[in-house]
PDB file of all heavy atoms in Angstrom:
ATOM      1  N   LYS A   1     -12.254  -6.661 -20.743  1.00  0.00           N
ATOM      2  CA  LYS A   1     -12.131  -5.686 -21.835  1.00  0.00           C
ATOM      3  C   LYS A   1     -12.008  -4.273 -21.268  1.00  0.00           C
ATOM      4  O   LYS A   1     -11.169  -3.482 -21.711  1.00  0.00           O
ATOM      5  CB  LYS A   1     -13.335  -5.785 -22.768  1.00  0.00           C
ATOM      6  CG  LYS A   1     -13.260  -4.857 -23.975  1.00  0.00           C
ATOM      7  CD  LYS A   1     -14.489  -5.019 -24.859  1.00  0.00           C
ATOM      8  CE  LYS A   1     -14.426  -4.068 -26.056  1.00  0.00           C
ATOM      9  NZ  LYS A   1     -15.619  -4.205 -26.926  1.00  0.00           N
ATOM     10  N   ASN A   2     -12.836  -3.949 -20.269  1.00  0.00           N
ATOM     11  CA  ASN A   2     -12.731  -2.645 -19.607  1.00  0.00           C
ATOM     12  C   ASN A   2     -11.398  -2.499 -18.890  1.00  0.00           C
ATOM     13  O   ASN A   2     -10.813  -1.419 -18.862  1.00  0.00           O
ATOM     14  CB  ASN A   2     -13.878  -2.466 -18.597  1.00  0.00           C
ATOM     15  CG  ASN A   2     -15.211  -2.241 -19.274  1.00  0.00           C
ATOM     16  OD1 ASN A   2     -15.271  -1.725 -20.386  1.00  0.00           O
ATOM     17  ND2 ASN A   2     -16.292  -2.638 -18.628  1.00  0.00           N
ATOM     18  N   TRP A   3     -10.924  -3.605 -18.323  1.00  0.00           N
ATOM     19  CA  TRP A   3      -9.626  -3.607 -17.629  1.00  0.00           C
ATOM     20  C   TRP A   3      -8.490  -3.294 -18.611  1.00  0.00           C
ATOM     21  O   TRP A   3      -7.568  -2.544 -18.282  1.00  0.00           O
ATOM     22  CB  TRP A   3      -9.411  -4.970 -16.971  1.00  0.00           C
ATOM     23  CG  TRP A   3      -8.076  -5.150 -16.313  1.00  0.00           C
ATOM     24  CD1 TRP A   3      -7.711  -4.762 -15.052  1.00  0.00           C
ATOM     25  CD2 TRP A   3      -6.918  -5.779 -16.886  1.00  0.00           C
ATOM     26  NE1 TRP A   3      -6.401  -5.103 -14.812  1.00  0.00           N
ATOM     27  CE2 TRP A   3      -5.893  -5.737 -15.921  1.00  0.00           C
ATOM     28  CE3 TRP A   3      -6.658  -6.375 -18.126  1.00  0.00           C
ATOM     29  CZ2 TRP A   3      -4.624  -6.263 -16.154  1.00  0.00           C
ATOM     30  CZ3 TRP A   3      -5.400  -6.892 -18.351  1.00  0.00           C
ATOM     31  CH2 TRP A   3      -4.404  -6.841 -17.371  1.00  0.00           C
ATOM     32  N   VAL A   4      -8.562  -3.874 -19.807  1.00  0.00           N
ATOM     33  CA  VAL A   4      -7.512  -3.653 -20.815  1.00  0.00           C
ATOM     34  C   VAL A   4      -7.572  -2.230 -21.363  1.00  0.00           C
ATOM     35  O   VAL A   4      -6.555  -1.533 -21.417  1.00  0.00           O
ATOM     36  CB  VAL A   4      -7.648  -4.672 -21.982  1.00  0.00           C
ATOM     37  CG1 VAL A   4      -6.694  -4.310 -23.121  1.00  0.00           C
ATOM     38  CG2 VAL A   4      -7.361  -6.080 -21.485  1.00  0.00           C
ATOM     39  N   ILE A   5      -8.769  -1.796 -21.758  1.00  0.00           N
ATOM     40  CA  ILE A   5      -8.900  -0.519 -22.465  1.00  0.00           C
ATOM     41  C   ILE A   5      -8.714   0.679 -21.542  1.00  0.00           C
ATOM     42  O   ILE A   5      -7.983   1.615 -21.864  1.00  0.00           O
ATOM     43  CB  ILE A   5     -10.269  -0.435 -23.171  1.00  0.00           C
ATOM     44  CG1 ILE A   5     -10.356  -1.500 -24.274  1.00  0.00           C
ATOM     45  CG2 ILE A   5     -10.492   0.958 -23.760  1.00  0.00           C
ATOM     46  CD1 ILE A   5     -11.709  -1.582 -24.938  1.00  0.00           C
ATOM     47  N   GLY A   6      -9.374   0.662 -20.394  1.00  0.00           N
ATOM     48  CA  GLY A   6      -9.314   1.830 -19.505  1.00  0.00           C
ATOM     49  C   GLY A   6      -8.911   1.502 -18.092  1.00  0.00           C
ATOM     50  O   GLY A   6      -9.271   2.224 -17.147  1.00  0.00           O
ATOM     51  N   GLY A   7      -8.161   0.414 -17.931  1.00  0.00           N
ATOM     52  CA  GLY A   7      -7.793  -0.036 -16.595  1.00  0.00           C
ATOM     53  C   GLY A   7      -6.996   0.965 -15.792  1.00  0.00           C
ATOM     54  O   GLY A   7      -7.139   1.064 -14.575  1.00  0.00           O
ATOM     55  N   PHE A   8      -6.143   1.758 -16.460  1.00  0.00           N
ATOM     56  CA  PHE A   8      -5.285   2.700 -15.745  1.00  0.00           C
ATOM     57  C   PHE A   8      -6.073   3.874 -15.157  1.00  0.00           C
ATOM     58  O   PHE A   8      -5.542   4.618 -14.345  1.00  0.00           O
ATOM     59  CB  PHE A   8      -4.182   3.208 -16.659  1.00  0.00           C
ATOM     60  CG  PHE A   8      -2.958   2.339 -16.650  1.00  0.00           C
ATOM     61  CD1 PHE A   8      -3.054   0.986 -16.374  1.00  0.00           C
ATOM     62  CD2 PHE A   8      -1.706   2.862 -16.916  1.00  0.00           C
ATOM     63  CE1 PHE A   8      -1.937   0.182 -16.363  1.00  0.00           C
ATOM     64  CE2 PHE A   8      -0.572   2.057 -16.902  1.00  0.00           C
ATOM     65  CZ  PHE A   8      -0.692   0.712 -16.631  1.00  0.00           C
ATOM     66  N   VAL A   9      -7.334   4.033 -15.590  1.00  0.00           N
ATOM     67  CA  VAL A   9      -8.186   5.056 -14.971  1.00  0.00           C
ATOM     68  C   VAL A   9      -9.350   4.397 -14.225  1.00  0.00           C
ATOM     69  O   VAL A   9     -10.313   5.063 -13.854  1.00  0.00           O
ATOM     70  CB  VAL A   9      -8.715   6.069 -16.015  1.00  0.00           C
ATOM     71  CG1 VAL A   9      -7.573   6.910 -16.548  1.00  0.00           C
ATOM     72  CG2 VAL A   9      -9.458   5.366 -17.143  1.00  0.00           C
ATOM     73  N   GLY A  10      -9.256   3.076 -14.012  1.00  0.00           N
ATOM     74  CA  GLY A  10     -10.230   2.370 -13.195  1.00  0.00           C
ATOM     75  C   GLY A  10     -11.570   2.095 -13.834  1.00  0.00           C
ATOM     76  O   GLY A  10     -12.562   1.876 -13.126  1.00  0.00           O
ATOM     77  N   SER A  11     -11.648   2.046 -15.160  1.00  0.00           N
ATOM     78  CA  SER A  11     -12.946   1.865 -15.827  1.00  0.00           C
ATOM     79  C   SER A  11     -13.582   0.515 -15.523  1.00  0.00           C
ATOM     80  O   SER A  11     -14.811   0.370 -15.596  1.00  0.00           O
ATOM     81  CB  SER A  11     -12.792   2.044 -17.336  1.00  0.00           C
ATOM     82  OG  SER A  11     -11.989   1.016 -17.887  1.00  0.00           O
ATOM     83  N   HIS A  12     -12.762  -0.499 -15.189  1.00  0.00           N
ATOM     84  CA  HIS A  12     -13.320  -1.813 -14.872  1.00  0.00           C
ATOM     85  C   HIS A  12     -14.064  -1.810 -13.537  1.00  0.00           C
ATOM     86  O   HIS A  12     -14.795  -2.751 -13.232  1.00  0.00           O
ATOM     87  CB  HIS A  12     -12.216  -2.874 -14.867  1.00  0.00           C
ATOM     88  CG  HIS A  12     -11.029  -2.536 -14.017  1.00  0.00           C
ATOM     89  ND1 HIS A  12     -10.174  -1.500 -14.320  1.00  0.00           N
ATOM     90  CD2 HIS A  12     -10.566  -3.084 -12.860  1.00  0.00           C
ATOM     91  CE1 HIS A  12      -9.228  -1.435 -13.401  1.00  0.00           C
ATOM     92  NE2 HIS A  12      -9.443  -2.369 -12.515  1.00  0.00           N
ATOM     93  N   HIS A  13     -13.881  -0.763 -12.741  1.00  0.00           N
ATOM     94  CA  HIS A  13     -14.607  -0.654 -11.471  1.00  0.00           C
ATOM     95  C   HIS A  13     -15.940   0.076 -11.629  1.00  0.00           C
ATOM     96  O   HIS A  13     -16.764   0.058 -10.722  1.00  0.00           O
ATOM     97  CB  HIS A  13     -13.756   0.075 -10.427  1.00  0.00           C
ATOM     98  CG  HIS A  13     -12.646  -0.759  -9.873  1.00  0.00           C
ATOM     99  ND1 HIS A  13     -12.865  -1.783  -8.980  1.00  0.00           N
ATOM    100  CD2 HIS A  13     -11.305  -0.728 -10.085  1.00  0.00           C
ATOM    101  CE1 HIS A  13     -11.717  -2.350  -8.662  1.00  0.00           C
ATOM    102  NE2 HIS A  13     -10.751  -1.733  -9.324  1.00  0.00           N
ATOM    103  N   TRP A  14     -16.127   0.748 -12.754  1.00  0.00           N
ATOM    104  CA  TRP A  14     -17.365   1.511 -12.950  1.00  0.00           C
ATOM    105  C   TRP A  14     -18.574   0.582 -13.011  1.00  0.00           C
ATOM    106  O   TRP A  14     -19.651   0.920 -12.521  1.00  0.00           O
ATOM    107  CB  TRP A  14     -17.276   2.347 -14.227  1.00  0.00           C
ATOM    108  CG  TRP A  14     -16.147   3.327 -14.235  1.00  0.00           C
ATOM    109  CD1 TRP A  14     -15.372   3.689 -13.167  1.00  0.00           C
ATOM    110  CD2 TRP A  14     -15.643   4.052 -15.354  1.00  0.00           C
ATOM    111  NE1 TRP A  14     -14.411   4.593 -13.549  1.00  0.00           N
ATOM    112  CE2 TRP A  14     -14.552   4.839 -14.893  1.00  0.00           C
ATOM    113  CE3 TRP A  14     -15.991   4.114 -16.690  1.00  0.00           C
ATOM    114  CZ2 TRP A  14     -13.829   5.673 -15.723  1.00  0.00           C
ATOM    115  CZ3 TRP A  14     -15.266   4.949 -17.536  1.00  0.00           C
ATOM    116  CH2 TRP A  14     -14.202   5.718 -17.051  1.00  0.00           C
ATOM    117  N   ARG A  15     -18.386  -0.577 -13.623  1.00  0.00           N
ATOM    118  CA  ARG A  15     -19.492  -1.540 -13.791  1.00  0.00           C
ATOM    119  C   ARG A  15     -20.077  -1.949 -12.438  1.00  0.00           C
ATOM    120  O   ARG A  15     -21.289  -2.077 -12.273  1.00  0.00           O
ATOM    121  CB  ARG A  15     -18.975  -2.758 -14.552  1.00  0.00           C
ATOM    122  CG  ARG A  15     -19.999  -3.847 -14.811  1.00  0.00           C
ATOM    123  CD  ARG A  15     -19.290  -5.056 -15.414  1.00  0.00           C
ATOM    124  NE  ARG A  15     -20.211  -6.151 -15.663  1.00  0.00           N
ATOM    125  CZ  ARG A  15     -20.779  -6.415 -16.821  1.00  0.00           C
ATOM    126  NH1 ARG A  15     -20.539  -5.637 -17.848  1.00  0.00           N
ATOM    127  NH2 ARG A  15     -21.578  -7.445 -16.967  1.00  0.00           N
ATOM    128  N   ASN A  16     -19.174  -2.156 -11.439  1.00  0.00           N
ATOM    129  CA  ASN A  16     -19.609  -2.602 -10.110  1.00  0.00           C
ATOM    130  C   ASN A  16     -19.747  -1.450  -9.115  1.00  0.00           C
ATOM    131  O   ASN A  16     -20.033  -1.685  -7.940  1.00  0.00           O
ATOM    132  CB  ASN A  16     -18.620  -3.643  -9.565  1.00  0.00           C
ATOM    133  CG  ASN A  16     -18.517  -4.859 -10.461  1.00  0.00           C
ATOM    134  OD1 ASN A  16     -19.523  -5.353 -10.955  1.00  0.00           O
ATOM    135  ND2 ASN A  16     -17.298  -5.334 -10.686  1.00  0.00           N
ATOM    136  N   ARG A  17     -19.492  -0.244  -9.595  1.00  0.00           N
ATOM    137  CA  ARG A  17     -19.606   0.956  -8.763  1.00  0.00           C
ATOM    138  C   ARG A  17     -18.777   0.871  -7.477  1.00  0.00           C
ATOM    139  O   ARG A  17     -19.262   1.144  -6.375  1.00  0.00           O
ATOM    140  CB  ARG A  17     -21.076   1.228  -8.431  1.00  0.00           C
ATOM    141  CG  ARG A  17     -21.910   1.531  -9.670  1.00  0.00           C
ATOM    142  CD  ARG A  17     -23.336   1.891  -9.332  1.00  0.00           C
ATOM    143  NE  ARG A  17     -24.104   2.172 -10.548  1.00  0.00           N
ATOM    144  CZ  ARG A  17     -25.399   2.497 -10.558  1.00  0.00           C
ATOM    145  NH1 ARG A  17     -26.063   2.588  -9.413  1.00  0.00           N
ATOM    146  NH2 ARG A  17     -26.014   2.737 -11.688  1.00  0.00           N
ATOM    147  N   ASN A  18     -17.518   0.477  -7.648  1.00  0.00           N
ATOM    148  CA  ASN A  18     -16.570   0.481  -6.531  1.00  0.00           C
ATOM    149  C   ASN A  18     -15.970   1.887  -6.442  1.00  0.00           C
ATOM    150  O   ASN A  18     -15.023   2.220  -7.150  1.00  0.00           O
ATOM    151  CB  ASN A  18     -15.470  -0.563  -6.760  1.00  0.00           C
ATOM    152  CG  ASN A  18     -16.028  -1.961  -6.827  1.00  0.00           C
ATOM    153  OD1 ASN A  18     -16.969  -2.297  -6.112  1.00  0.00           O
ATOM    154  ND2 ASN A  18     -15.464  -2.796  -7.675  1.00  0.00           N
ATOM    155  N   TYR A  19     -16.540   2.701  -5.585  1.00  0.00           N
ATOM    156  CA  TYR A  19     -16.287   4.136  -5.643  1.00  0.00           C
ATOM    157  C   TYR A  19     -14.851   4.529  -5.280  1.00  0.00           C
ATOM    158  O   TYR A  19     -14.284   5.440  -5.887  1.00  0.00           O
ATOM    159  CB  TYR A  19     -17.279   4.884  -4.742  1.00  0.00           C
ATOM    160  CG  TYR A  19     -18.695   4.790  -5.238  1.00  0.00           C
ATOM    161  CD1 TYR A  19     -19.641   3.992  -4.583  1.00  0.00           C
ATOM    162  CD2 TYR A  19     -19.084   5.449  -6.398  1.00  0.00           C
ATOM    163  CE1 TYR A  19     -20.937   3.890  -5.069  1.00  0.00           C
ATOM    164  CE2 TYR A  19     -20.389   5.352  -6.886  1.00  0.00           C
ATOM    165  CZ  TYR A  19     -21.303   4.564  -6.213  1.00  0.00           C
ATOM    166  OH  TYR A  19     -22.579   4.468  -6.695  1.00  0.00           O
ATOM    167  N   ILE A  20     -14.262   3.866  -4.293  1.00  0.00           N
ATOM    168  CA  ILE A  20     -12.893   4.241  -3.900  1.00  0.00           C
ATOM    169  C   ILE A  20     -11.902   4.016  -5.048  1.00  0.00           C
ATOM    170  O   ILE A  20     -11.142   4.927  -5.411  1.00  0.00           O
ATOM    171  CB  ILE A  20     -12.471   3.485  -2.627  1.00  0.00           C
ATOM    172  CG1 ILE A  20     -13.312   3.963  -1.440  1.00  0.00           C
ATOM    173  CG2 ILE A  20     -10.972   3.703  -2.342  1.00  0.00           C
ATOM    174  CD1 ILE A  20     -13.019   3.251  -0.138  1.00  0.00           C
ATOM    175  N   PRO A  21     -11.875   2.815  -5.678  1.00  0.00           N
ATOM    176  CA  PRO A  21     -10.993   2.644  -6.840  1.00  0.00           C
ATOM    177  C   PRO A  21     -11.358   3.572  -8.001  1.00  0.00           C
ATOM    178  O   PRO A  21     -10.472   4.040  -8.722  1.00  0.00           O
ATOM    179  CB  PRO A  21     -11.200   1.176  -7.239  1.00  0.00           C
ATOM    180  CG  PRO A  21     -11.713   0.517  -6.018  1.00  0.00           C
ATOM    181  CD  PRO A  21     -12.534   1.551  -5.313  1.00  0.00           C
ATOM    182  N   MET A  22     -12.654   3.838  -8.180  1.00  0.00           N
ATOM    183  CA  MET A  22     -13.091   4.738  -9.259  1.00  0.00           C
ATOM    184  C   MET A  22     -12.488   6.135  -9.086  1.00  0.00           C
ATOM    185  O   MET A  22     -12.217   6.829 -10.069  1.00  0.00           O
ATOM    186  CB  MET A  22     -14.620   4.838  -9.264  1.00  0.00           C
ATOM    187  CG  MET A  22     -15.322   3.639  -9.879  1.00  0.00           C
ATOM    188  SD  MET A  22     -17.116   3.643  -9.586  1.00  0.00           S
ATOM    189  CE  MET A  22     -17.594   5.153 -10.425  1.00  0.00           C
ATOM    190  N   ILE A  23     -12.262   6.540  -7.833  1.00  0.00           N
ATOM    191  CA  ILE A  23     -11.671   7.855  -7.558  1.00  0.00           C
ATOM    192  C   ILE A  23     -10.148   7.793  -7.563  1.00  0.00           C
ATOM    193  O   ILE A  23      -9.474   8.655  -8.130  1.00  0.00           O
ATOM    194  CB  ILE A  23     -12.178   8.389  -6.196  1.00  0.00           C
ATOM    195  CG1 ILE A  23     -13.688   8.645  -6.253  1.00  0.00           C
ATOM    196  CG2 ILE A  23     -11.440   9.667  -5.799  1.00  0.00           C
ATOM    197  CD1 ILE A  23     -14.309   8.948  -4.907  1.00  0.00           C
ATOM    198  N   MET A  24      -9.598   6.736  -6.934  1.00  0.00           N
ATOM    199  CA  MET A  24      -8.142   6.667  -6.736  1.00  0.00           C
ATOM    200  C   MET A  24      -7.374   6.405  -8.026  1.00  0.00           C
ATOM    201  O   MET A  24      -6.278   6.952  -8.222  1.00  0.00           O
ATOM    202  CB  MET A  24      -7.809   5.586  -5.707  1.00  0.00           C
ATOM    203  CG  MET A  24      -8.220   5.927  -4.291  1.00  0.00           C
ATOM    204  SD  MET A  24      -7.509   7.502  -3.734  1.00  0.00           S
ATOM    205  CE  MET A  24      -5.745   7.140  -3.840  1.00  0.00           C
ATOM    206  N   TYR A  25      -7.909   5.564  -8.905  1.00  0.00           N
ATOM    207  CA  TYR A  25      -7.211   5.270 -10.164  1.00  0.00           C
ATOM    208  C   TYR A  25      -6.932   6.540 -10.983  1.00  0.00           C
ATOM    209  O   TYR A  25      -5.785   6.781 -11.381  1.00  0.00           O
ATOM    210  CB  TYR A  25      -8.023   4.278 -11.002  1.00  0.00           C
ATOM    211  CG  TYR A  25      -7.556   2.848 -10.927  1.00  0.00           C
ATOM    212  CD1 TYR A  25      -8.234   1.911 -10.148  1.00  0.00           C
ATOM    213  CD2 TYR A  25      -6.440   2.419 -11.639  1.00  0.00           C
ATOM    214  CE1 TYR A  25      -7.823   0.586 -10.084  1.00  0.00           C
ATOM    215  CE2 TYR A  25      -6.029   1.093 -11.577  1.00  0.00           C
ATOM    216  CZ  TYR A  25      -6.718   0.188 -10.802  1.00  0.00           C
ATOM    217  OH  TYR A  25      -6.296  -1.120 -10.747  1.00  0.00           O
ATOM    218  N   PRO A  26      -7.954   7.366 -11.264  1.00  0.00           N
ATOM    219  CA  PRO A  26      -7.692   8.595 -12.034  1.00  0.00           C
ATOM    220  C   PRO A  26      -6.731   9.547 -11.324  1.00  0.00           C
ATOM    221  O   PRO A  26      -5.917  10.205 -11.983  1.00  0.00           O
ATOM    222  CB  PRO A  26      -9.086   9.235 -12.188  1.00  0.00           C
ATOM    223  CG  PRO A  26     -10.035   8.104 -12.052  1.00  0.00           C
ATOM    224  CD  PRO A  26      -9.411   7.185 -11.052  1.00  0.00           C
ATOM    225  N   ILE A  27      -6.818   9.617  -9.975  1.00  0.00           N
ATOM    226  CA  ILE A  27      -5.911  10.495  -9.227  1.00  0.00           C
ATOM    227  C   ILE A  27      -4.464  10.034  -9.388  1.00  0.00           C
ATOM    228  O   ILE A  27      -3.565  10.844  -9.656  1.00  0.00           O
ATOM    229  CB  ILE A  27      -6.303  10.536  -7.731  1.00  0.00           C
ATOM    230  CG1 ILE A  27      -7.625  11.299  -7.551  1.00  0.00           C
ATOM    231  CG2 ILE A  27      -5.197  11.186  -6.891  1.00  0.00           C
ATOM    232  CD1 ILE A  27      -8.142  11.291  -6.128  1.00  0.00           C
ATOM    233  N   LEU A  28      -4.221   8.729  -9.237  1.00  0.00           N
ATOM    234  CA  LEU A  28      -2.861   8.199  -9.369  1.00  0.00           C
ATOM    235  C   LEU A  28      -2.330   8.369 -10.789  1.00  0.00           C
ATOM    236  O   LEU A  28      -1.168   8.732 -10.991  1.00  0.00           O
ATOM    237  CB  LEU A  28      -2.836   6.721  -8.976  1.00  0.00           C
ATOM    238  CG  LEU A  28      -2.943   6.413  -7.477  1.00  0.00           C
ATOM    239  CD1 LEU A  28      -3.121   4.917  -7.258  1.00  0.00           C
ATOM    240  CD2 LEU A  28      -1.697   6.904  -6.743  1.00  0.00           C
ATOM    241  N   PHE A  29      -3.195   8.117 -11.783  1.00  0.00           N
ATOM    242  CA  PHE A  29      -2.748   8.247 -13.172  1.00  0.00           C
ATOM    243  C   PHE A  29      -2.489   9.702 -13.531  1.00  0.00           C
ATOM    244  O   PHE A  29      -1.517  10.016 -14.219  1.00  0.00           O
ATOM    245  CB  PHE A  29      -3.784   7.639 -14.122  1.00  0.00           C
ATOM    246  CG  PHE A  29      -3.303   7.520 -15.534  1.00  0.00           C
ATOM    247  CD1 PHE A  29      -2.253   6.675 -15.852  1.00  0.00           C
ATOM    248  CD2 PHE A  29      -3.890   8.254 -16.558  1.00  0.00           C
ATOM    249  CE1 PHE A  29      -1.802   6.557 -17.155  1.00  0.00           C
ATOM    250  CE2 PHE A  29      -3.442   8.149 -17.861  1.00  0.00           C
ATOM    251  CZ  PHE A  29      -2.390   7.302 -18.156  1.00  0.00           C
ATOM    252  N   ALA A  30      -3.347  10.608 -13.043  1.00  0.00           N
ATOM    253  CA  ALA A  30      -3.129  12.037 -13.276  1.00  0.00           C
ATOM    254  C   ALA A  30      -1.841  12.498 -12.592  1.00  0.00           C
ATOM    255  O   ALA A  30      -1.093  13.321 -13.147  1.00  0.00           O
ATOM    256  CB  ALA A  30      -4.317  12.843 -12.758  1.00  0.00           C
ATOM    257  N   SER A  31      -1.556  11.950 -11.415  1.00  0.00           N
ATOM    258  CA  SER A  31      -0.310  12.281 -10.710  1.00  0.00           C
ATOM    259  C   SER A  31       0.900  11.862 -11.534  1.00  0.00           C
ATOM    260  O   SER A  31       1.882  12.603 -11.636  1.00  0.00           O
ATOM    261  CB  SER A  31      -0.267  11.584  -9.346  1.00  0.00           C
ATOM    262  OG  SER A  31      -1.335  12.003  -8.532  1.00  0.00           O
ATOM    263  N   PHE A  32       0.812  10.671 -12.131  1.00  0.00           N
ATOM    264  CA  PHE A  32       1.905  10.199 -12.988  1.00  0.00           C
ATOM    265  C   PHE A  32       2.132  11.150 -14.160  1.00  0.00           C
ATOM    266  O   PHE A  32       3.273  11.490 -14.482  1.00  0.00           O
ATOM    267  CB  PHE A  32       1.590   8.795 -13.496  1.00  0.00           C
ATOM    268  CG  PHE A  32       2.435   8.370 -14.657  1.00  0.00           C
ATOM    269  CD1 PHE A  32       3.779   8.086 -14.493  1.00  0.00           C
ATOM    270  CD2 PHE A  32       1.894   8.267 -15.935  1.00  0.00           C
ATOM    271  CE1 PHE A  32       4.573   7.708 -15.568  1.00  0.00           C
ATOM    272  CE2 PHE A  32       2.668   7.889 -17.006  1.00  0.00           C
ATOM    273  CZ  PHE A  32       4.014   7.607 -16.819  1.00  0.00           C
ATOM    274  N   LEU A  33       1.048  11.591 -14.807  1.00  0.00           N
ATOM    275  CA  LEU A  33       1.176  12.506 -15.951  1.00  0.00           C
ATOM    276  C   LEU A  33       1.778  13.847 -15.519  1.00  0.00           C
ATOM    277  O   LEU A  33       2.653  14.401 -16.210  1.00  0.00           O
ATOM    278  CB  LEU A  33      -0.194  12.730 -16.598  1.00  0.00           C
ATOM    279  CG  LEU A  33      -0.843  11.503 -17.252  1.00  0.00           C
ATOM    280  CD1 LEU A  33      -2.226  11.860 -17.791  1.00  0.00           C
ATOM    281  CD2 LEU A  33       0.040  10.948 -18.364  1.00  0.00           C
ATOM    282  N   ILE A  34       1.347  14.353 -14.374  1.00  0.00           N
ATOM    283  CA  ILE A  34       1.863  15.638 -13.877  1.00  0.00           C
ATOM    284  C   ILE A  34       3.338  15.528 -13.533  1.00  0.00           C
ATOM    285  O   ILE A  34       4.152  16.382 -13.930  1.00  0.00           O
ATOM    286  CB  ILE A  34       1.052  16.101 -12.650  1.00  0.00           C
ATOM    287  CG1 ILE A  34      -0.369  16.475 -13.060  1.00  0.00           C
ATOM    288  CG2 ILE A  34       1.735  17.296 -11.967  1.00  0.00           C
ATOM    289  CD1 ILE A  34      -1.315  16.697 -11.895  1.00  0.00           C
ATOM    290  N   PHE A  35       3.703  14.469 -12.804  1.00  0.00           N
ATOM    291  CA  PHE A  35       5.110  14.296 -12.414  1.00  0.00           C
ATOM    292  C   PHE A  35       5.999  14.035 -13.634  1.00  0.00           C
ATOM    293  O   PHE A  35       7.164  14.449 -13.655  1.00  0.00           O
ATOM    294  CB  PHE A  35       5.248  13.159 -11.403  1.00  0.00           C
ATOM    295  CG  PHE A  35       4.636  13.456 -10.062  1.00  0.00           C
ATOM    296  CD1 PHE A  35       3.904  12.491  -9.390  1.00  0.00           C
ATOM    297  CD2 PHE A  35       4.798  14.704  -9.475  1.00  0.00           C
ATOM    298  CE1 PHE A  35       3.330  12.776  -8.156  1.00  0.00           C
ATOM    299  CE2 PHE A  35       4.237  14.993  -8.237  1.00  0.00           C
ATOM    300  CZ  PHE A  35       3.503  14.022  -7.575  1.00  0.00           C
ATOM    301  N   SER A  36       5.449  13.355 -14.650  1.00  0.00           N
ATOM    302  CA  SER A  36       6.207  13.132 -15.884  1.00  0.00           C
ATOM    303  C   SER A  36       6.497  14.455 -16.581  1.00  0.00           C
ATOM    304  O   SER A  36       7.615  14.689 -17.063  1.00  0.00           O
ATOM    305  CB  SER A  36       5.424  12.208 -16.833  1.00  0.00           C
ATOM    306  OG  SER A  36       5.249  10.942 -16.277  1.00  0.00           O
TER     307      SER A  36
END
């Protein structure tokens, strides 16, 4: 459910505290929005 709703910002990693994906997902998604 977290993967579906907020997967593009890495919300499914928050539950397990996987810090690298928690940081990289929002950076990549923000980059997409900026470049768009």
